[in-house]
Amino acid sequence: MSDKPQHIIVLCTCPDDQTATIIADRLVTEGIAACVNIVPGIMSVYQWKNNIEHDEELLLIIKTRQDCYLELETVIQQLHPYELPEIIAVSIERGLSGYLEWIDQSVGK
């Protein structure tokens, strides 16, 4: 097992540009995430409180390390308007070594 930090991608949907930008800026400024992509124009279809919902949202693709996850989750929950925001972490199995090193240098400062 490697002693290198485990890198993750965290996915989070947002209802509007303002929310997405506020969350992305805070995560990067505080060194919790190395990079956040804001992907506009997604349509989410989901069940909520016994109704099928269809909402246009933005998707945050957040690159960070596993050891930053709890802080990242806390910040998103503080800033997000949803009662139950989507916050899903996926391990990065492989990646360009230079890019993964850049994530290490950018987070946890």
N, C-alpha and C. Protein backbone atom coordinates (compact mmCIF):
# COMPACT_ATOMS: atom_id res chain seq x y z
N MET A 1 0.85 -1.19 0.00
CA MET A 1 0.00 0.00 0.00
C MET A 1 0.89 1.25 0.00
N SER A 2 0.57 2.20 -0.82
CA SER A 2 1.35 3.42 -0.95
C SER A 2 1.10 4.34 0.24
N ASP A 3 2.14 5.10 0.62
CA ASP A 3 1.94 6.08 1.68
C ASP A 3 1.53 7.44 1.12
N LYS A 4 1.34 7.52 -0.20
CA LYS A 4 0.87 8.76 -0.82
C LYS A 4 -0.59 9.00 -0.45
N PRO A 5 -1.00 10.27 -0.37
CA PRO A 5 -2.41 10.56 -0.10
C PRO A 5 -3.31 9.99 -1.20
N GLN A 6 -4.45 9.56 -0.80
CA GLN A 6 -5.42 9.05 -1.76
C GLN A 6 -6.15 10.23 -2.38
N HIS A 7 -6.16 10.29 -3.69
CA HIS A 7 -6.82 11.37 -4.42
C HIS A 7 -8.25 10.97 -4.73
N ILE A 8 -9.15 11.95 -4.68
CA ILE A 8 -10.56 11.69 -4.94
C ILE A 8 -11.14 12.79 -5.82
N ILE A 9 -12.25 12.44 -6.45
CA ILE A 9 -13.10 13.39 -7.15
C ILE A 9 -14.41 13.41 -6.39
N VAL A 10 -14.87 14.60 -6.05
CA VAL A 10 -16.15 14.74 -5.36
C VAL A 10 -17.12 15.41 -6.32
N LEU A 11 -18.30 14.83 -6.43
CA LEU A 11 -19.37 15.36 -7.28
C LEU A 11 -20.42 16.03 -6.41
N CYS A 12 -20.88 17.19 -6.85
CA CYS A 12 -21.91 17.91 -6.11
C CYS A 12 -22.74 18.72 -7.11
N THR A 13 -24.04 18.56 -7.07
CA THR A 13 -24.91 19.37 -7.94
C THR A 13 -25.33 20.63 -7.20
N CYS A 14 -25.54 21.70 -7.97
CA CYS A 14 -25.95 23.00 -7.42
C CYS A 14 -27.11 23.55 -8.24
N PRO A 15 -27.97 24.35 -7.61
CA PRO A 15 -29.15 24.85 -8.31
C PRO A 15 -28.89 26.03 -9.24
N ASP A 16 -27.77 26.75 -9.04
CA ASP A 16 -27.55 27.96 -9.84
C ASP A 16 -26.07 28.33 -9.86
N ASP A 17 -25.73 29.27 -10.77
CA ASP A 17 -24.35 29.73 -10.93
C ASP A 17 -23.77 30.31 -9.65
N GLN A 18 -24.57 31.10 -8.96
CA GLN A 18 -24.07 31.77 -7.76
C GLN A 18 -23.65 30.75 -6.70
N THR A 19 -24.49 29.77 -6.43
CA THR A 19 -24.16 28.74 -5.44
C THR A 19 -22.91 27.98 -5.86
N ALA A 20 -22.85 27.57 -7.12
CA ALA A 20 -21.71 26.81 -7.62
C ALA A 20 -20.41 27.60 -7.48
N THR A 21 -20.45 28.87 -7.84
CA THR A 21 -19.25 29.71 -7.77
C THR A 21 -18.82 29.96 -6.33
N ILE A 22 -19.76 30.22 -5.46
CA ILE A 22 -19.43 30.45 -4.05
C ILE A 22 -18.75 29.22 -3.45
N ILE A 23 -19.31 28.05 -3.70
CA ILE A 23 -18.74 26.81 -3.16
C ILE A 23 -17.37 26.56 -3.77
N ALA A 24 -17.25 26.66 -5.09
CA ALA A 24 -15.97 26.41 -5.76
C ALA A 24 -14.89 27.37 -5.26
N ASP A 25 -15.20 28.65 -5.19
CA ASP A 25 -14.23 29.64 -4.73
C ASP A 25 -13.76 29.33 -3.31
N ARG A 26 -14.68 29.01 -2.45
CA ARG A 26 -14.33 28.74 -1.04
C ARG A 26 -13.43 27.52 -0.92
N LEU A 27 -13.77 26.45 -1.65
CA LEU A 27 -12.98 25.22 -1.57
C LEU A 27 -11.55 25.43 -2.06
N VAL A 28 -11.39 26.17 -3.16
CA VAL A 28 -10.06 26.41 -3.70
C VAL A 28 -9.30 27.42 -2.85
N THR A 29 -9.95 28.50 -2.45
CA THR A 29 -9.30 29.54 -1.65
C THR A 29 -8.78 28.99 -0.33
N GLU A 30 -9.54 28.11 0.29
CA GLU A 30 -9.13 27.55 1.58
C GLU A 30 -8.21 26.34 1.46
N GLY A 31 -7.85 25.97 0.24
CA GLY A 31 -6.94 24.85 0.05
C GLY A 31 -7.56 23.50 0.35
N ILE A 32 -8.88 23.41 0.23
CA ILE A 32 -9.58 22.15 0.46
C ILE A 32 -9.67 21.35 -0.84
N ALA A 33 -9.66 22.06 -1.96
CA ALA A 33 -9.69 21.44 -3.28
C ALA A 33 -8.63 22.10 -4.15
N ALA A 34 -8.04 21.33 -5.05
CA ALA A 34 -7.06 21.87 -5.99
C ALA A 34 -7.75 22.55 -7.15
N CYS A 35 -8.88 21.99 -7.57
CA CYS A 35 -9.58 22.48 -8.75
C CYS A 35 -11.05 22.07 -8.65
N VAL A 36 -11.91 22.96 -9.11
CA VAL A 36 -13.34 22.64 -9.19
C VAL A 36 -13.81 23.04 -10.59
N ASN A 37 -14.30 22.06 -11.33
CA ASN A 37 -14.93 22.35 -12.63
C ASN A 37 -16.41 22.58 -12.37
N ILE A 38 -16.97 23.59 -13.00
CA ILE A 38 -18.40 23.87 -12.92
C ILE A 38 -18.98 23.56 -14.29
N VAL A 39 -19.80 22.52 -14.33
CA VAL A 39 -20.39 22.05 -15.59
C VAL A 39 -21.86 22.48 -15.62
N PRO A 40 -22.20 23.43 -16.50
CA PRO A 40 -23.59 23.89 -16.57
C PRO A 40 -24.46 22.96 -17.42
N GLY A 41 -25.76 23.19 -17.32
CA GLY A 41 -26.69 22.58 -18.26
C GLY A 41 -26.98 21.11 -18.07
N ILE A 42 -26.92 20.61 -16.85
CA ILE A 42 -27.31 19.22 -16.67
C ILE A 42 -28.76 19.16 -16.20
N MET A 43 -29.45 18.11 -16.56
CA MET A 43 -30.83 17.90 -16.13
C MET A 43 -30.81 16.73 -15.16
N SER A 44 -31.27 16.97 -13.96
CA SER A 44 -31.33 15.93 -12.94
C SER A 44 -32.77 15.46 -12.79
N VAL A 45 -32.95 14.15 -12.83
CA VAL A 45 -34.25 13.52 -12.62
C VAL A 45 -34.10 12.64 -11.39
N TYR A 46 -34.92 12.89 -10.39
CA TYR A 46 -34.76 12.16 -9.13
C TYR A 46 -36.09 12.13 -8.37
N GLN A 47 -36.15 11.23 -7.42
CA GLN A 47 -37.34 11.14 -6.57
C GLN A 47 -37.04 11.85 -5.26
N TRP A 48 -37.95 12.74 -4.86
CA TRP A 48 -37.79 13.48 -3.62
C TRP A 48 -39.16 13.68 -2.98
N LYS A 49 -39.32 13.18 -1.77
CA LYS A 49 -40.57 13.31 -1.02
C LYS A 49 -41.77 12.82 -1.84
N ASN A 50 -41.61 11.63 -2.40
CA ASN A 50 -42.65 10.93 -3.16
C ASN A 50 -43.04 11.60 -4.48
N ASN A 51 -42.19 12.47 -4.99
CA ASN A 51 -42.43 13.11 -6.29
C ASN A 51 -41.22 12.89 -7.18
N ILE A 52 -41.48 12.75 -8.47
CA ILE A 52 -40.40 12.71 -9.44
C ILE A 52 -40.11 14.16 -9.82
N GLU A 53 -38.87 14.58 -9.63
CA GLU A 53 -38.45 15.95 -9.89
C GLU A 53 -37.57 16.01 -11.14
N HIS A 54 -37.64 17.11 -11.86
CA HIS A 54 -36.80 17.39 -13.02
C HIS A 54 -36.24 18.80 -12.81
N ASP A 55 -34.95 18.90 -12.60
CA ASP A 55 -34.35 20.20 -12.32
C ASP A 55 -33.09 20.41 -13.15
N GLU A 56 -32.95 21.62 -13.68
CA GLU A 56 -31.70 22.01 -14.31
C GLU A 56 -30.73 22.39 -13.20
N GLU A 57 -29.53 21.84 -13.27
CA GLU A 57 -28.54 22.08 -12.24
C GLU A 57 -27.17 22.26 -12.88
N LEU A 58 -26.21 22.57 -12.05
CA LEU A 58 -24.81 22.61 -12.44
C LEU A 58 -24.10 21.53 -11.63
N LEU A 59 -23.07 20.95 -12.22
CA LEU A 59 -22.32 19.90 -11.54
C LEU A 59 -20.93 20.41 -11.19
N LEU A 60 -20.58 20.27 -9.92
CA LEU A 60 -19.22 20.55 -9.49
C LEU A 60 -18.42 19.25 -9.55
N ILE A 61 -17.26 19.30 -10.20
CA ILE A 61 -16.33 18.18 -10.23
C ILE A 61 -15.11 18.68 -9.45
N ILE A 62 -14.94 18.16 -8.25
CA ILE A 62 -13.97 18.68 -7.29
C ILE A 62 -12.81 17.70 -7.16
N LYS A 63 -11.57 18.19 -7.38
CA LYS A 63 -10.39 17.34 -7.24
C LYS A 63 -9.69 17.68 -5.93
N THR A 64 -9.48 16.63 -5.10
CA THR A 64 -8.87 16.83 -3.79
C THR A 64 -8.25 15.52 -3.31
N ARG A 65 -7.95 15.46 -2.02
CA ARG A 65 -7.43 14.25 -1.40
C ARG A 65 -8.42 13.74 -0.37
N GLN A 66 -8.34 12.45 -0.11
CA GLN A 66 -9.23 11.81 0.86
C GLN A 66 -9.14 12.50 2.23
N ASP A 67 -7.93 12.90 2.64
CA ASP A 67 -7.79 13.50 3.97
C ASP A 67 -8.43 14.89 4.08
N CYS A 68 -8.89 15.46 2.99
CA CYS A 68 -9.59 16.74 3.00
C CYS A 68 -11.10 16.58 2.92
N TYR A 69 -11.56 15.34 2.78
CA TYR A 69 -12.98 15.11 2.50
C TYR A 69 -13.91 15.67 3.59
N LEU A 70 -13.65 15.38 4.84
CA LEU A 70 -14.58 15.82 5.89
C LEU A 70 -14.71 17.33 5.95
N GLU A 71 -13.60 18.04 5.78
CA GLU A 71 -13.66 19.50 5.76
C GLU A 71 -14.44 19.99 4.53
N LEU A 72 -14.20 19.35 3.39
CA LEU A 72 -14.91 19.69 2.16
C LEU A 72 -16.41 19.49 2.34
N GLU A 73 -16.80 18.35 2.89
CA GLU A 73 -18.22 18.06 3.12
C GLU A 73 -18.85 19.11 4.04
N THR A 74 -18.15 19.49 5.08
CA THR A 74 -18.67 20.49 6.02
C THR A 74 -18.89 21.83 5.33
N VAL A 75 -17.92 22.27 4.53
CA VAL A 75 -18.05 23.55 3.83
C VAL A 75 -19.23 23.52 2.86
N ILE A 76 -19.35 22.44 2.10
CA ILE A 76 -20.47 22.35 1.16
C ILE A 76 -21.80 22.41 1.91
N GLN A 77 -21.92 21.66 2.99
CA GLN A 77 -23.18 21.67 3.74
C GLN A 77 -23.49 23.05 4.30
N GLN A 78 -22.48 23.80 4.70
CA GLN A 78 -22.69 25.15 5.23
C GLN A 78 -23.19 26.11 4.15
N LEU A 79 -22.69 25.96 2.93
CA LEU A 79 -22.98 26.92 1.86
C LEU A 79 -24.12 26.52 0.94
N HIS A 80 -24.49 25.26 0.95
CA HIS A 80 -25.46 24.73 -0.02
C HIS A 80 -26.89 24.97 0.44
N PRO A 81 -27.76 25.41 -0.48
CA PRO A 81 -29.15 25.67 -0.09
C PRO A 81 -30.04 24.42 0.02
N TYR A 82 -29.61 23.30 -0.54
CA TYR A 82 -30.45 22.10 -0.51
C TYR A 82 -30.51 21.51 0.89
N GLU A 83 -31.65 20.95 1.21
CA GLU A 83 -31.83 20.22 2.46
C GLU A 83 -30.88 19.03 2.52
N LEU A 84 -30.69 18.37 1.39
CA LEU A 84 -29.82 17.19 1.29
C LEU A 84 -29.00 17.29 0.01
N PRO A 85 -27.86 17.99 0.07
CA PRO A 85 -27.06 18.13 -1.16
C PRO A 85 -26.38 16.82 -1.55
N GLU A 86 -26.20 16.67 -2.84
CA GLU A 86 -25.44 15.53 -3.36
C GLU A 86 -23.96 15.80 -3.10
N ILE A 87 -23.33 14.93 -2.34
CA ILE A 87 -21.89 15.01 -2.10
C ILE A 87 -21.39 13.57 -2.18
N ILE A 88 -20.75 13.22 -3.30
CA ILE A 88 -20.32 11.85 -3.55
C ILE A 88 -18.84 11.85 -3.91
N ALA A 89 -18.05 11.08 -3.18
CA ALA A 89 -16.62 10.98 -3.45
C ALA A 89 -16.30 9.68 -4.18
N VAL A 90 -15.43 9.81 -5.19
CA VAL A 90 -15.00 8.66 -5.98
C VAL A 90 -13.47 8.65 -5.96
N SER A 91 -12.88 7.50 -5.64
CA SER A 91 -11.43 7.39 -5.62
C SER A 91 -10.85 7.50 -7.02
N ILE A 92 -9.71 8.16 -7.12
CA ILE A 92 -8.97 8.21 -8.37
C ILE A 92 -8.00 7.04 -8.36
N GLU A 93 -8.25 6.06 -9.21
CA GLU A 93 -7.41 4.86 -9.25
C GLU A 93 -6.06 5.14 -9.88
N ARG A 94 -6.05 5.96 -10.93
CA ARG A 94 -4.83 6.31 -11.63
C ARG A 94 -4.96 7.73 -12.16
N GLY A 95 -3.82 8.35 -12.39
CA GLY A 95 -3.82 9.68 -12.97
C GLY A 95 -2.39 10.06 -13.34
N LEU A 96 -2.27 11.08 -14.14
CA LEU A 96 -0.96 11.59 -14.53
C LEU A 96 -0.22 11.99 -13.25
N SER A 97 0.96 11.45 -13.04
CA SER A 97 1.66 11.67 -11.77
C SER A 97 1.88 13.15 -11.48
N GLY A 98 2.22 13.93 -12.49
CA GLY A 98 2.41 15.36 -12.29
C GLY A 98 1.14 16.06 -11.82
N TYR A 99 -0.01 15.63 -12.37
CA TYR A 99 -1.29 16.23 -11.97
C TYR A 99 -1.63 15.86 -10.53
N LEU A 100 -1.41 14.60 -10.17
CA LEU A 100 -1.69 14.17 -8.79
C LEU A 100 -0.77 14.88 -7.80
N GLU A 101 0.48 15.11 -8.20
CA GLU A 101 1.41 15.86 -7.36
C GLU A 101 0.94 17.30 -7.20
N TRP A 102 0.40 17.88 -8.28
CA TRP A 102 -0.13 19.23 -8.20
C TRP A 102 -1.30 19.30 -7.22
N ILE A 103 -2.18 18.29 -7.22
CA ILE A 103 -3.27 18.25 -6.24
C ILE A 103 -2.67 18.26 -4.84
N ASP A 104 -1.63 17.43 -4.61
CA ASP A 104 -1.00 17.37 -3.29
C ASP A 104 -0.45 18.73 -2.87
N GLN A 105 0.16 19.43 -3.81
CA GLN A 105 0.75 20.74 -3.51
C GLN A 105 -0.32 21.81 -3.28
N SER A 106 -1.50 21.62 -3.85
CA SER A 106 -2.54 22.65 -3.82
C SER A 106 -3.48 22.53 -2.63
N VAL A 107 -3.61 21.36 -2.05
CA VAL A 107 -4.57 21.19 -0.96
C VAL A 107 -3.85 20.95 0.37
N GLY A 108 -4.58 21.21 1.44
CA GLY A 108 -4.08 20.94 2.78
C GLY A 108 -3.03 21.92 3.25
N LYS A 109 -3.03 23.12 2.64
CA LYS A 109 -2.04 24.13 3.03
C LYS A 109 -2.40 24.74 4.37
